[in-house]
Amino acid sequence: MTNFKDRERAEEAKFAMDEETAFRIAARRNRLLGEWAAGVMNLTPEETDAYKKAVVQADFEEAGDEDVIRKLLGDLTAAETDVSESDIRTKLEEMTIEAKRQMMGEA
């Protein structure tokens, strides 16, 4: 019985750690996306810092990535850039890989 409880606790701890890691990767990815979009919009360094935070905050609106994509597409369209939704989705995938790479480098 003790082995079962120990294994159950270990599984719960692993699940919690996996969830935290996924959250940290998504937040880092969103900061990277914000930095990329800020560069496309030619924002100042101060505006870039604020924009990266705004992109991270946008991810809390709903589950999934659609809220972030919607924010970036709206902002990039308003700034009259030539960036499509497809470009944003591609960059999102690239930044997910980069965020994972960076997180593994810290471990």
PDB file of N, CA and C in Angstrom:
ATOM      1  N   MET A   1       0.822  -1.197   0.000  1.00  0.00           N
ATOM      2  CA  MET A   1       0.000   0.000   0.000  1.00  0.00           C
ATOM      3  C   MET A   1       0.868   1.264   0.000  1.00  0.00           C
ATOM      4  N   THR A   2       1.959   1.228   0.746  1.00  0.00           N
ATOM      5  CA  THR A   2       2.846   2.389   0.812  1.00  0.00           C
ATOM      6  C   THR A   2       3.476   2.672  -0.551  1.00  0.00           C
ATOM      7  N   ASN A   3       3.874   1.627  -1.273  1.00  0.00           N
ATOM      8  CA  ASN A   3       4.454   1.810  -2.598  1.00  0.00           C
ATOM      9  C   ASN A   3       3.476   2.494  -3.542  1.00  0.00           C
ATOM     10  N   PHE A   4       2.208   2.105  -3.448  1.00  0.00           N
ATOM     11  CA  PHE A   4       1.189   2.719  -4.298  1.00  0.00           C
ATOM     12  C   PHE A   4       1.052   4.210  -3.975  1.00  0.00           C
ATOM     13  N   LYS A   5       1.003   4.555  -2.703  1.00  0.00           N
ATOM     14  CA  LYS A   5       0.894   5.972  -2.288  1.00  0.00           C
ATOM     15  C   LYS A   5       2.123   6.758  -2.716  1.00  0.00           C
ATOM     16  N   ASP A   6       3.292   6.152  -2.568  1.00  0.00           N
ATOM     17  CA  ASP A   6       4.532   6.825  -2.978  1.00  0.00           C
ATOM     18  C   ASP A   6       4.526   7.077  -4.484  1.00  0.00           C
ATOM     19  N   ARG A   7       4.099   6.084  -5.235  1.00  0.00           N
ATOM     20  CA  ARG A   7       4.057   6.236  -6.690  1.00  0.00           C
ATOM     21  C   ARG A   7       3.024   7.291  -7.086  1.00  0.00           C
ATOM     22  N   GLU A   8       1.902   7.308  -6.396  1.00  0.00           N
ATOM     23  CA  GLU A   8       0.863   8.302  -6.670  1.00  0.00           C
ATOM     24  C   GLU A   8       1.388   9.712  -6.407  1.00  0.00           C
ATOM     25  N   ARG A   9       2.078   9.902  -5.302  1.00  0.00           N
ATOM     26  CA  ARG A   9       2.657  11.215  -4.980  1.00  0.00           C
ATOM     27  C   ARG A   9       3.716  11.611  -5.997  1.00  0.00           C
ATOM     28  N   ALA A  10       4.512  10.656  -6.433  1.00  0.00           N
ATOM     29  CA  ALA A  10       5.544  10.927  -7.437  1.00  0.00           C
ATOM     30  C   ALA A  10       4.908  11.362  -8.759  1.00  0.00           C
ATOM     31  N   GLU A  11       3.837  10.687  -9.149  1.00  0.00           N
ATOM     32  CA  GLU A  11       3.132  11.060 -10.383  1.00  0.00           C
ATOM     33  C   GLU A  11       2.531  12.466 -10.279  1.00  0.00           C
ATOM     34  N   GLU A  12       1.955  12.781  -9.133  1.00  0.00           N
ATOM     35  CA  GLU A  12       1.385  14.127  -8.924  1.00  0.00           C
ATOM     36  C   GLU A  12       2.474  15.187  -8.976  1.00  0.00           C
ATOM     37  N   ALA A  13       3.612  14.909  -8.374  1.00  0.00           N
ATOM     38  CA  ALA A  13       4.723  15.860  -8.395  1.00  0.00           C
ATOM     39  C   ALA A  13       5.251  16.048  -9.810  1.00  0.00           C
ATOM     40  N   LYS A  14       5.349  14.959 -10.575  1.00  0.00           N
ATOM     41  CA  LYS A  14       5.810  15.048 -11.965  1.00  0.00           C
ATOM     42  C   LYS A  14       4.822  15.857 -12.800  1.00  0.00           C
ATOM     43  N   PHE A  15       3.536  15.617 -12.619  1.00  0.00           N
ATOM     44  CA  PHE A  15       2.523  16.362 -13.350  1.00  0.00           C
ATOM     45  C   PHE A  15       2.633  17.856 -13.048  1.00  0.00           C
ATOM     46  N   ALA A  16       2.779  18.206 -11.777  1.00  0.00           N
ATOM     47  CA  ALA A  16       2.900  19.610 -11.388  1.00  0.00           C
ATOM     48  C   ALA A  16       4.148  20.234 -12.007  1.00  0.00           C
ATOM     49  N   MET A  17       5.245  19.498 -12.013  1.00  0.00           N
ATOM     50  CA  MET A  17       6.474  20.023 -12.585  1.00  0.00           C
ATOM     51  C   MET A  17       6.339  20.195 -14.100  1.00  0.00           C
ATOM     52  N   ASP A  18       5.696  19.238 -14.761  1.00  0.00           N
ATOM     53  CA  ASP A  18       5.475  19.337 -16.201  1.00  0.00           C
ATOM     54  C   ASP A  18       4.609  20.546 -16.541  1.00  0.00           C
ATOM     55  N   GLU A  19       3.575  20.782 -15.740  1.00  0.00           N
ATOM     56  CA  GLU A  19       2.699  21.929 -15.963  1.00  0.00           C
ATOM     57  C   GLU A  19       3.463  23.240 -15.778  1.00  0.00           C
ATOM     58  N   GLU A  20       4.276  23.314 -14.749  1.00  0.00           N
ATOM     59  CA  GLU A  20       5.065  24.527 -14.498  1.00  0.00           C
ATOM     60  C   GLU A  20       6.060  24.765 -15.629  1.00  0.00           C
ATOM     61  N   THR A  21       6.690  23.700 -16.090  1.00  0.00           N
ATOM     62  CA  THR A  21       7.644  23.824 -17.199  1.00  0.00           C
ATOM     63  C   THR A  21       6.934  24.308 -18.463  1.00  0.00           C
ATOM     64  N   ALA A  22       5.772  23.757 -18.763  1.00  0.00           N
ATOM     65  CA  ALA A  22       5.010  24.180 -19.944  1.00  0.00           C
ATOM     66  C   ALA A  22       4.628  25.650 -19.833  1.00  0.00           C
ATOM     67  N   PHE A  23       4.241  26.087 -18.647  1.00  0.00           N
ATOM     68  CA  PHE A  23       3.889  27.489 -18.428  1.00  0.00           C
ATOM     69  C   PHE A  23       5.100  28.394 -18.658  1.00  0.00           C
ATOM     70  N   ARG A  24       6.240  28.000 -18.119  1.00  0.00           N
ATOM     71  CA  ARG A  24       7.454  28.805 -18.266  1.00  0.00           C
ATOM     72  C   ARG A  24       7.906  28.874 -19.720  1.00  0.00           C
ATOM     73  N   ILE A  25       7.781  27.770 -20.444  1.00  0.00           N
ATOM     74  CA  ILE A  25       8.148  27.766 -21.862  1.00  0.00           C
ATOM     75  C   ILE A  25       7.216  28.682 -22.647  1.00  0.00           C
ATOM     76  N   ALA A  26       5.915  28.614 -22.375  1.00  0.00           N
ATOM     77  CA  ALA A  26       4.951  29.474 -23.076  1.00  0.00           C
ATOM     78  C   ALA A  26       5.217  30.945 -22.781  1.00  0.00           C
ATOM     79  N   ALA A  27       5.512  31.279 -21.537  1.00  0.00           N
ATOM     80  CA  ALA A  27       5.794  32.674 -21.183  1.00  0.00           C
ATOM     81  C   ALA A  27       7.054  33.162 -21.890  1.00  0.00           C
ATOM     82  N   ARG A  28       8.087  32.329 -21.912  1.00  0.00           N
ATOM     83  CA  ARG A  28       9.327  32.710 -22.596  1.00  0.00           C
ATOM     84  C   ARG A  28       9.079  32.851 -24.089  1.00  0.00           C
ATOM     85  N   ARG A  29       8.330  31.914 -24.665  1.00  0.00           N
ATOM     86  CA  ARG A  29       7.996  31.989 -26.087  1.00  0.00           C
ATOM     87  C   ARG A  29       7.254  33.289 -26.399  1.00  0.00           C
ATOM     88  N   ASN A  30       6.319  33.657 -25.536  1.00  0.00           N
ATOM     89  CA  ASN A  30       5.547  34.875 -25.769  1.00  0.00           C
ATOM     90  C   ASN A  30       6.419  36.118 -25.672  1.00  0.00           C
ATOM     91  N   ARG A  31       7.381  36.121 -24.757  1.00  0.00           N
ATOM     92  CA  ARG A  31       8.322  37.253 -24.686  1.00  0.00           C
ATOM     93  C   ARG A  31       9.147  37.337 -25.967  1.00  0.00           C
ATOM     94  N   LEU A  32       9.599  36.186 -26.460  1.00  0.00           N
ATOM     95  CA  LEU A  32      10.357  36.164 -27.706  1.00  0.00           C
ATOM     96  C   LEU A  32       9.508  36.647 -28.881  1.00  0.00           C
ATOM     97  N   LEU A  33       8.249  36.219 -28.915  1.00  0.00           N
ATOM     98  CA  LEU A  33       7.332  36.682 -29.969  1.00  0.00           C
ATOM     99  C   LEU A  33       7.124  38.187 -29.879  1.00  0.00           C
ATOM    100  N   GLY A  34       6.958  38.681 -28.653  1.00  0.00           N
ATOM    101  CA  GLY A  34       6.781  40.116 -28.460  1.00  0.00           C
ATOM    102  C   GLY A  34       7.989  40.901 -28.928  1.00  0.00           C
ATOM    103  N   GLU A  35       9.162  40.362 -28.643  1.00  0.00           N
ATOM    104  CA  GLU A  35      10.394  41.035 -29.079  1.00  0.00           C
ATOM    105  C   GLU A  35      10.496  41.052 -30.599  1.00  0.00           C
ATOM    106  N   TRP A  36      10.154  39.926 -31.227  1.00  0.00           N
ATOM    107  CA  TRP A  36      10.171  39.864 -32.683  1.00  0.00           C
ATOM    108  C   TRP A  36       9.185  40.871 -33.282  1.00  0.00           C
ATOM    109  N   ALA A  37       7.945  40.864 -32.776  1.00  0.00           N
ATOM    110  CA  ALA A  37       6.918  41.768 -33.310  1.00  0.00           C
ATOM    111  C   ALA A  37       7.298  43.227 -33.074  1.00  0.00           C
ATOM    112  N   ALA A  38       7.877  43.519 -31.920  1.00  0.00           N
ATOM    113  CA  ALA A  38       8.307  44.887 -31.628  1.00  0.00           C
ATOM    114  C   ALA A  38       9.363  45.335 -32.634  1.00  0.00           C
ATOM    115  N   GLY A  39      10.247  44.418 -33.001  1.00  0.00           N
ATOM    116  CA  GLY A  39      11.262  44.739 -34.010  1.00  0.00           C
ATOM    117  C   GLY A  39      10.637  45.022 -35.365  1.00  0.00           C
ATOM    118  N   VAL A  40       9.629  44.224 -35.725  1.00  0.00           N
ATOM    119  CA  VAL A  40       8.926  44.435 -37.000  1.00  0.00           C
ATOM    120  C   VAL A  40       8.226  45.795 -37.000  1.00  0.00           C
ATOM    121  N   MET A  41       7.714  46.213 -35.829  1.00  0.00           N
ATOM    122  CA  MET A  41       6.989  47.487 -35.718  1.00  0.00           C
ATOM    123  C   MET A  41       7.919  48.658 -35.413  1.00  0.00           C
ATOM    124  N   ASN A  42       9.222  48.388 -35.329  1.00  0.00           N
ATOM    125  CA  ASN A  42      10.222  49.438 -35.052  1.00  0.00           C
ATOM    126  C   ASN A  42       9.960  50.173 -33.743  1.00  0.00           C
ATOM    127  N   LEU A  43       9.645  49.435 -32.691  1.00  0.00           N
ATOM    128  CA  LEU A  43       9.412  50.054 -31.388  1.00  0.00           C
ATOM    129  C   LEU A  43      10.736  50.399 -30.716  1.00  0.00           C
ATOM    130  N   THR A  44      10.703  51.374 -29.836  1.00  0.00           N
ATOM    131  CA  THR A  44      11.887  51.756 -29.069  1.00  0.00           C
ATOM    132  C   THR A  44      12.180  50.657 -28.040  1.00  0.00           C
ATOM    133  N   PRO A  45      13.373  50.657 -27.442  1.00  0.00           N
ATOM    134  CA  PRO A  45      13.667  49.647 -26.412  1.00  0.00           C
ATOM    135  C   PRO A  45      12.662  49.672 -25.253  1.00  0.00           C
ATOM    136  N   GLU A  46      12.242  50.833 -24.834  1.00  0.00           N
ATOM    137  CA  GLU A  46      11.263  50.934 -23.744  1.00  0.00           C
ATOM    138  C   GLU A  46       9.917  50.385 -24.175  1.00  0.00           C
ATOM    139  N   GLU A  47       9.503  50.727 -25.392  1.00  0.00           N
ATOM    140  CA  GLU A  47       8.239  50.214 -25.921  1.00  0.00           C
ATOM    141  C   GLU A  47       8.311  48.697 -26.110  1.00  0.00           C
ATOM    142  N   THR A  48       9.477  48.205 -26.510  1.00  0.00           N
ATOM    143  CA  THR A  48       9.664  46.771 -26.700  1.00  0.00           C
ATOM    144  C   THR A  48       9.488  46.025 -25.383  1.00  0.00           C
ATOM    145  N   ASP A  49      10.083  46.534 -24.310  1.00  0.00           N
ATOM    146  CA  ASP A  49       9.925  45.892 -22.999  1.00  0.00           C
ATOM    147  C   ASP A  49       8.457  45.824 -22.592  1.00  0.00           C
ATOM    148  N   ALA A  50       7.750  46.923 -22.758  1.00  0.00           N
ATOM    149  CA  ALA A  50       6.330  46.968 -22.406  1.00  0.00           C
ATOM    150  C   ALA A  50       5.528  46.032 -23.308  1.00  0.00           C
ATOM    151  N   TYR A  51       5.878  45.982 -24.575  1.00  0.00           N
ATOM    152  CA  TYR A  51       5.136  45.152 -25.514  1.00  0.00           C
ATOM    153  C   TYR A  51       5.330  43.669 -25.214  1.00  0.00           C
ATOM    154  N   LYS A  52       6.548  43.268 -24.870  1.00  0.00           N
ATOM    155  CA  LYS A  52       6.800  41.861 -24.520  1.00  0.00           C
ATOM    156  C   LYS A  52       5.920  41.453 -23.346  1.00  0.00           C
ATOM    157  N   LYS A  53       5.792  42.317 -22.359  1.00  0.00           N
ATOM    158  CA  LYS A  53       4.936  42.026 -21.202  1.00  0.00           C
ATOM    159  C   LYS A  53       3.469  41.935 -21.620  1.00  0.00           C
ATOM    160  N   ALA A  54       3.059  42.807 -22.533  1.00  0.00           N
ATOM    161  CA  ALA A  54       1.668  42.797 -22.997  1.00  0.00           C
ATOM    162  C   ALA A  54       1.342  41.499 -23.740  1.00  0.00           C
ATOM    163  N   VAL A  55       2.295  40.979 -24.497  1.00  0.00           N
ATOM    164  CA  VAL A  55       2.068  39.725 -25.216  1.00  0.00           C
ATOM    165  C   VAL A  55       1.950  38.574 -24.217  1.00  0.00           C
ATOM    166  N   VAL A  56       2.787  38.565 -23.195  1.00  0.00           N
ATOM    167  CA  VAL A  56       2.686  37.532 -22.159  1.00  0.00           C
ATOM    168  C   VAL A  56       1.320  37.616 -21.480  1.00  0.00           C
ATOM    169  N   GLN A  57       0.867  38.820 -21.158  1.00  0.00           N
ATOM    170  CA  GLN A  57      -0.439  39.008 -20.517  1.00  0.00           C
ATOM    171  C   GLN A  57      -1.582  38.559 -21.418  1.00  0.00           C
ATOM    172  N   ALA A  58      -1.437  38.758 -22.720  1.00  0.00           N
ATOM    173  CA  ALA A  58      -2.497  38.377 -23.657  1.00  0.00           C
ATOM    174  C   ALA A  58      -2.771  36.881 -23.612  1.00  0.00           C
ATOM    175  N   ASP A  59      -1.766  36.097 -23.248  1.00  0.00           N
ATOM    176  CA  ASP A  59      -1.922  34.646 -23.228  1.00  0.00           C
ATOM    177  C   ASP A  59      -2.826  34.171 -22.095  1.00  0.00           C
ATOM    178  N   PHE A  60      -3.150  35.048 -21.160  1.00  0.00           N
ATOM    179  CA  PHE A  60      -4.012  34.672 -20.038  1.00  0.00           C
ATOM    180  C   PHE A  60      -5.493  34.849 -20.357  1.00  0.00           C
ATOM    181  N   GLU A  61      -5.825  35.365 -21.537  1.00  0.00           N
ATOM    182  CA  GLU A  61      -7.215  35.630 -21.889  1.00  0.00           C
ATOM    183  C   GLU A  61      -8.019  34.348 -22.109  1.00  0.00           C
ATOM    184  N   GLU A  62      -7.408  33.355 -22.740  1.00  0.00           N
ATOM    185  CA  GLU A  62      -8.101  32.094 -23.007  1.00  0.00           C
ATOM    186  C   GLU A  62      -7.068  30.993 -23.170  1.00  0.00           C
ATOM    187  N   ALA A  63      -7.517  29.762 -23.091  1.00  0.00           N
ATOM    188  CA  ALA A  63      -6.619  28.623 -23.260  1.00  0.00           C
ATOM    189  C   ALA A  63      -6.148  28.551 -24.710  1.00  0.00           C
ATOM    190  N   GLY A  64      -4.952  28.080 -24.905  1.00  0.00           N
ATOM    191  CA  GLY A  64      -4.409  27.952 -26.256  1.00  0.00           C
ATOM    192  C   GLY A  64      -3.665  29.192 -26.694  1.00  0.00           C
ATOM    193  N   ASP A  65      -3.292  29.205 -27.950  1.00  0.00           N
ATOM    194  CA  ASP A  65      -2.459  30.278 -28.492  1.00  0.00           C
ATOM    195  C   ASP A  65      -3.231  31.330 -29.278  1.00  0.00           C
ATOM    196  N   GLU A  66      -4.519  31.115 -29.493  1.00  0.00           N
ATOM    197  CA  GLU A  66      -5.287  32.017 -30.353  1.00  0.00           C
ATOM    198  C   GLU A  66      -5.313  33.450 -29.824  1.00  0.00           C
ATOM    199  N   ASP A  67      -5.330  33.626 -28.505  1.00  0.00           N
ATOM    200  CA  ASP A  67      -5.344  34.974 -27.943  1.00  0.00           C
ATOM    201  C   ASP A  67      -4.053  35.722 -28.269  1.00  0.00           C
ATOM    202  N   VAL A  68      -2.933  35.026 -28.231  1.00  0.00           N
ATOM    203  CA  VAL A  68      -1.645  35.650 -28.555  1.00  0.00           C
ATOM    204  C   VAL A  68      -1.586  35.965 -30.047  1.00  0.00           C
ATOM    205  N   ILE A  69      -2.011  35.026 -30.868  1.00  0.00           N
ATOM    206  CA  ILE A  69      -2.006  35.250 -32.314  1.00  0.00           C
ATOM    207  C   ILE A  69      -2.899  36.429 -32.673  1.00  0.00           C
ATOM    208  N   ARG A  70      -4.068  36.495 -32.057  1.00  0.00           N
ATOM    209  CA  ARG A  70      -5.006  37.595 -32.321  1.00  0.00           C
ATOM    210  C   ARG A  70      -4.384  38.944 -31.944  1.00  0.00           C
ATOM    211  N   LYS A  71      -3.710  39.002 -30.795  1.00  0.00           N
ATOM    212  CA  LYS A  71      -3.085  40.254 -30.359  1.00  0.00           C
ATOM    213  C   LYS A  71      -1.992  40.672 -31.345  1.00  0.00           C
ATOM    214  N   LEU A  72      -1.106  39.731 -31.658  1.00  0.00           N
ATOM    215  CA  LEU A  72      -0.010  40.057 -32.575  1.00  0.00           C
ATOM    216  C   LEU A  72      -0.536  40.480 -33.939  1.00  0.00           C
ATOM    217  N   LEU A  73      -1.505  39.739 -34.469  1.00  0.00           N
ATOM    218  CA  LEU A  73      -2.051  40.079 -35.785  1.00  0.00           C
ATOM    219  C   LEU A  73      -2.692  41.456 -35.767  1.00  0.00           C
ATOM    220  N   GLY A  74      -3.459  41.745 -34.721  1.00  0.00           N
ATOM    221  CA  GLY A  74      -4.092  43.065 -34.616  1.00  0.00           C
ATOM    222  C   GLY A  74      -3.076  44.186 -34.526  1.00  0.00           C
ATOM    223  N   ASP A  75      -2.055  44.007 -33.691  1.00  0.00           N
ATOM    224  CA  ASP A  75      -1.049  45.046 -33.517  1.00  0.00           C
ATOM    225  C   ASP A  75      -0.190  45.231 -34.766  1.00  0.00           C
ATOM    226  N   LEU A  76       0.185  44.115 -35.386  1.00  0.00           N
ATOM    227  CA  LEU A  76       1.016  44.213 -36.592  1.00  0.00           C
ATOM    228  C   LEU A  76       0.223  44.787 -37.766  1.00  0.00           C
ATOM    229  N   THR A  77      -1.058  44.471 -37.827  1.00  0.00           N
ATOM    230  CA  THR A  77      -1.912  45.048 -38.874  1.00  0.00           C
ATOM    231  C   THR A  77      -2.093  46.538 -38.634  1.00  0.00           C
ATOM    232  N   ALA A  78      -2.335  46.927 -37.385  1.00  0.00           N
ATOM    233  CA  ALA A  78      -2.503  48.342 -37.047  1.00  0.00           C
ATOM    234  C   ALA A  78      -1.237  49.142 -37.346  1.00  0.00           C
ATOM    235  N   ALA A  79      -0.088  48.491 -37.204  1.00  0.00           N
ATOM    236  CA  ALA A  79       1.188  49.167 -37.490  1.00  0.00           C
ATOM    237  C   ALA A  79       1.517  49.143 -38.986  1.00  0.00           C
ATOM    238  N   GLU A  80       0.575  48.619 -39.780  1.00  0.00           N
ATOM    239  CA  GLU A  80       0.710  48.562 -41.234  1.00  0.00           C
ATOM    240  C   GLU A  80       1.946  47.793 -41.683  1.00  0.00           C
ATOM    241  N   THR A  81       2.217  46.669 -41.006  1.00  0.00           N
ATOM    242  CA  THR A  81       3.312  45.803 -41.431  1.00  0.00           C
ATOM    243  C   THR A  81       2.768  44.780 -42.412  1.00  0.00           C
ATOM    244  N   ASP A  82       3.659  44.122 -43.100  1.00  0.00           N
ATOM    245  CA  ASP A  82       3.272  43.115 -44.083  1.00  0.00           C
ATOM    246  C   ASP A  82       3.468  41.722 -43.482  1.00  0.00           C
ATOM    247  N   VAL A  83       2.804  41.464 -42.353  1.00  0.00           N
ATOM    248  CA  VAL A  83       2.922  40.176 -41.655  1.00  0.00           C
ATOM    249  C   VAL A  83       1.539  39.526 -41.632  1.00  0.00           C
ATOM    250  N   SER A  84       1.488  38.288 -42.084  1.00  0.00           N
ATOM    251  CA  SER A  84       0.211  37.565 -42.145  1.00  0.00           C
ATOM    252  C   SER A  84       0.028  36.682 -40.915  1.00  0.00           C
ATOM    253  N   GLU A  85      -1.170  36.157 -40.759  1.00  0.00           N
ATOM    254  CA  GLU A  85      -1.432  35.219 -39.674  1.00  0.00           C
ATOM    255  C   GLU A  85      -0.548  33.982 -39.822  1.00  0.00           C
ATOM    256  N   SER A  86      -0.333  33.551 -41.045  1.00  0.00           N
ATOM    257  CA  SER A  86       0.536  32.406 -41.310  1.00  0.00           C
ATOM    258  C   SER A  86       1.968  32.690 -40.851  1.00  0.00           C
ATOM    259  N   ASP A  87       2.440  33.908 -41.109  1.00  0.00           N
ATOM    260  CA  ASP A  87       3.781  34.301 -40.653  1.00  0.00           C
ATOM    261  C   ASP A  87       3.870  34.236 -39.129  1.00  0.00           C
ATOM    262  N   ILE A  88       2.829  34.690 -38.466  1.00  0.00           N
ATOM    263  CA  ILE A  88       2.804  34.690 -36.994  1.00  0.00           C
ATOM    264  C   ILE A  88       2.805  33.258 -36.471  1.00  0.00           C
ATOM    265  N   ARG A  89       2.003  32.397 -37.072  1.00  0.00           N
ATOM    266  CA  ARG A  89       1.953  30.989 -36.634  1.00  0.00           C
ATOM    267  C   ARG A  89       3.310  30.303 -36.836  1.00  0.00           C
ATOM    268  N   THR A  90       3.958  30.602 -37.945  1.00  0.00           N
ATOM    269  CA  THR A  90       5.296  30.047 -38.198  1.00  0.00           C
ATOM    270  C   THR A  90       6.279  30.541 -37.152  1.00  0.00           C
ATOM    271  N   LYS A  91       6.237  31.828 -36.859  1.00  0.00           N
ATOM    272  CA  LYS A  91       7.136  32.405 -35.862  1.00  0.00           C
ATOM    273  C   LYS A  91       6.833  31.838 -34.482  1.00  0.00           C
ATOM    274  N   LEU A  92       5.555  31.578 -34.188  1.00  0.00           N
ATOM    275  CA  LEU A  92       5.169  30.987 -32.911  1.00  0.00           C
ATOM    276  C   LEU A  92       5.833  29.617 -32.745  1.00  0.00           C
ATOM    277  N   GLU A  93       5.817  28.822 -33.795  1.00  0.00           N
ATOM    278  CA  GLU A  93       6.464  27.506 -33.740  1.00  0.00           C
ATOM    279  C   GLU A  93       7.972  27.642 -33.543  1.00  0.00           C
ATOM    280  N   GLU A  94       8.590  28.571 -34.273  1.00  0.00           N
ATOM    281  CA  GLU A  94      10.032  28.794 -34.141  1.00  0.00           C
ATOM    282  C   GLU A  94      10.386  29.233 -32.721  1.00  0.00           C
ATOM    283  N   MET A  95       9.595  30.126 -32.167  1.00  0.00           N
ATOM    284  CA  MET A  95       9.878  30.648 -30.831  1.00  0.00           C
ATOM    285  C   MET A  95       9.601  29.608 -29.741  1.00  0.00           C
ATOM    286  N   THR A  96       8.686  28.678 -30.004  1.00  0.00           N
ATOM    287  CA  THR A  96       8.464  27.587 -29.058  1.00  0.00           C
ATOM    288  C   THR A  96       9.713  26.728 -28.971  1.00  0.00           C
ATOM    289  N   ILE A  97      10.291  26.421 -30.114  1.00  0.00           N
ATOM    290  CA  ILE A  97      11.524  25.627 -30.144  1.00  0.00           C
ATOM    291  C   ILE A  97      12.652  26.394 -29.450  1.00  0.00           C
ATOM    292  N   GLU A  98      12.758  27.677 -29.727  1.00  0.00           N
ATOM    293  CA  GLU A  98      13.811  28.490 -29.116  1.00  0.00           C
ATOM    294  C   GLU A  98      13.617  28.574 -27.604  1.00  0.00           C
ATOM    295  N   ALA A  99      12.395  28.741 -27.145  1.00  0.00           N
ATOM    296  CA  ALA A  99      12.124  28.824 -25.706  1.00  0.00           C
ATOM    297  C   ALA A  99      12.504  27.509 -25.027  1.00  0.00           C
ATOM    298  N   LYS A 100      12.183  26.392 -25.643  1.00  0.00           N
ATOM    299  CA  LYS A 100      12.556  25.082 -25.080  1.00  0.00           C
ATOM    300  C   LYS A 100      14.072  24.947 -25.023  1.00  0.00           C
ATOM    301  N   ARG A 101      14.731  25.375 -26.089  1.00  0.00           N
ATOM    302  CA  ARG A 101      16.200  25.304 -26.141  1.00  0.00           C
ATOM    303  C   ARG A 101      16.806  26.136 -25.021  1.00  0.00           C
ATOM    304  N   GLN A 102      16.289  27.335 -24.824  1.00  0.00           N
ATOM    305  CA  GLN A 102      16.792  28.205 -23.767  1.00  0.00           C
ATOM    306  C   GLN A 102      16.551  27.603 -22.387  1.00  0.00           C
ATOM    307  N   MET A 103      15.384  27.021 -22.192  1.00  0.00           N
ATOM    308  CA  MET A 103      15.060  26.414 -20.883  1.00  0.00           C
ATOM    309  C   MET A 103      15.984  25.221 -20.607  1.00  0.00           C
ATOM    310  N   MET A 104      16.286  24.446 -21.624  1.00  0.00           N
ATOM    311  CA  MET A 104      17.172  23.305 -21.429  1.00  0.00           C
ATOM    312  C   MET A 104      18.587  23.777 -21.105  1.00  0.00           C
ATOM    313  N   GLY A 105      18.971  24.916 -21.656  1.00  0.00           N
ATOM    314  CA  GLY A 105      20.292  25.484 -21.380  1.00  0.00           C
ATOM    315  C   GLY A 105      20.430  25.949 -19.947  1.00  0.00           C
ATOM    316  N   GLU A 106      19.299  26.294 -19.325  1.00  0.00           N
ATOM    317  CA  GLU A 106      19.316  26.758 -17.930  1.00  0.00           C
ATOM    318  C   GLU A 106      19.313  25.595 -16.946  1.00  0.00           C
ATOM    319  N   ALA A 107      18.840  24.451 -17.404  1.00  0.00           N
ATOM    320  CA  ALA A 107      18.697  23.299 -16.486  1.00  0.00           C
ATOM    321  C   ALA A 107      20.033  22.712 -16.093  1.00  0.00           C
TER     322      ALA A 107
END
